[in-house]
Amino acid sequence: TFRTMALSDERRQSVLDAAASNLARWNMTAPALLFLEASRPLAFTASQFSLFFQPLLGFVFGDETLEAFTHMLSNEVELNAFLNRLETGGSA
């Protein structure tokens, strides 16, 4: 079934901070920035795609992480904040 976890803003930000820190640690910041910037016009569509496939993707990535990224992709302000977080090496 589809469900919304309704993570708090603080928890959502901590999940995205952890993702940005992990990408920096794995030296994947540049590819992540390139991918997110190139797919920016499709970000909202990608968020809807992730909602549709929530049962499968939630199992693979975890419900909290999926909810945080779905919300980020559907919100231009949060997407820009995440890109800035990636550019600064994972720090807020």
Protein backbone atom coordinates (compact mmCIF):
# COMPACT_ATOMS: atom_id res chain seq x y z
CA THR A 1 0.00 0.00 0.00
CA PHE A 2 1.04 3.57 -0.57
CA ARG A 3 1.68 5.62 2.51
CA THR A 4 3.28 8.87 3.47
CA MET A 5 5.56 8.73 6.45
CA ALA A 6 5.33 12.48 7.06
CA LEU A 7 8.88 12.84 8.33
CA SER A 8 9.56 15.95 10.34
CA ASP A 9 11.54 18.65 8.54
CA GLU A 10 14.43 18.03 10.93
CA ARG A 11 14.51 14.29 10.23
CA ARG A 12 14.19 14.84 6.47
CA GLN A 13 17.14 17.25 6.57
CA SER A 14 19.25 14.79 8.56
CA VAL A 15 18.59 12.06 5.97
CA LEU A 16 19.59 14.42 3.14
CA ASP A 17 22.65 15.60 5.10
CA ALA A 18 23.72 11.98 5.56
CA ALA A 19 23.25 11.32 1.83
CA ALA A 20 25.34 14.38 0.93
CA SER A 21 28.06 13.36 3.39
CA ASN A 22 28.11 9.81 2.02
CA LEU A 23 28.36 11.04 -1.56
CA ALA A 24 31.29 13.26 -0.56
CA ARG A 25 32.99 10.40 1.30
CA TRP A 26 32.61 8.12 -1.73
CA ASN A 27 33.89 10.86 -4.09
CA MET A 28 30.59 10.80 -5.97
CA THR A 29 29.69 14.47 -5.47
CA ALA A 30 30.52 15.55 -9.03
CA PRO A 31 28.54 12.73 -10.70
CA ALA A 32 25.60 13.36 -8.36
CA LEU A 33 25.64 17.10 -9.11
CA LEU A 34 25.87 16.44 -12.84
CA PHE A 35 23.01 13.95 -12.74
CA LEU A 36 20.73 16.16 -10.60
CA GLU A 37 21.43 19.30 -12.64
CA ALA A 38 20.91 17.47 -15.95
CA SER A 39 17.67 15.89 -14.80
CA ARG A 40 16.30 19.00 -13.08
CA PRO A 41 13.49 19.45 -15.66
CA LEU A 42 12.32 15.91 -14.84
CA ALA A 43 12.70 16.17 -11.04
CA PHE A 44 8.97 16.40 -10.34
CA THR A 45 8.25 13.48 -12.67
CA ALA A 46 10.94 11.46 -10.89
CA SER A 47 9.30 12.22 -7.54
CA GLN A 48 5.98 10.91 -8.85
CA PHE A 49 7.74 7.84 -10.26
CA SER A 50 9.22 7.14 -6.83
CA LEU A 51 5.76 7.39 -5.25
CA PHE A 52 4.36 4.93 -7.77
CA PHE A 53 7.14 2.43 -7.11
CA GLN A 54 7.25 3.09 -3.35
CA PRO A 55 6.72 -0.55 -2.33
CA LEU A 56 9.76 -1.73 -4.30
CA LEU A 57 11.99 1.31 -3.82
CA GLY A 58 11.16 1.53 -0.11
CA PHE A 59 12.33 -2.03 0.32
CA VAL A 60 15.60 -1.30 -1.48
CA PHE A 61 16.43 2.18 -0.11
CA GLY A 62 14.41 2.38 3.10
CA ASP A 63 11.18 4.28 3.65
CA GLU A 64 12.74 7.33 5.34
CA THR A 65 15.34 7.84 2.63
CA LEU A 66 12.79 7.40 -0.14
CA GLU A 67 10.35 9.83 1.50
CA ALA A 68 13.10 12.43 1.97
CA PHE A 69 14.27 12.20 -1.65
CA THR A 70 10.72 12.18 -3.02
CA HIS A 71 9.95 15.36 -1.10
CA MET A 72 13.24 16.94 -2.20
CA LEU A 73 12.63 16.16 -5.88
CA SER A 74 9.12 17.60 -5.77
CA ASN A 75 10.23 20.83 -4.09
CA GLU A 76 12.47 23.20 -6.07
CA VAL A 77 13.70 25.00 -2.93
CA GLU A 78 14.77 21.74 -1.27
CA LEU A 79 16.40 20.52 -4.48
CA ASN A 80 18.46 23.72 -4.65
CA ALA A 81 19.37 23.36 -0.97
CA PHE A 82 20.50 19.77 -1.53
CA LEU A 83 22.60 20.81 -4.53
CA ASN A 84 24.20 23.54 -2.42
CA ARG A 85 24.81 20.99 0.34
CA LEU A 86 26.57 18.73 -2.18
CA GLU A 87 28.69 21.61 -3.46
CA THR A 88 29.86 22.39 0.10
CA GLY A 89 30.84 18.79 0.75
CA GLY A 90 27.81 17.71 2.76
CA SER A 91 27.76 20.49 5.31
CA ALA A 92 24.57 22.49 5.75
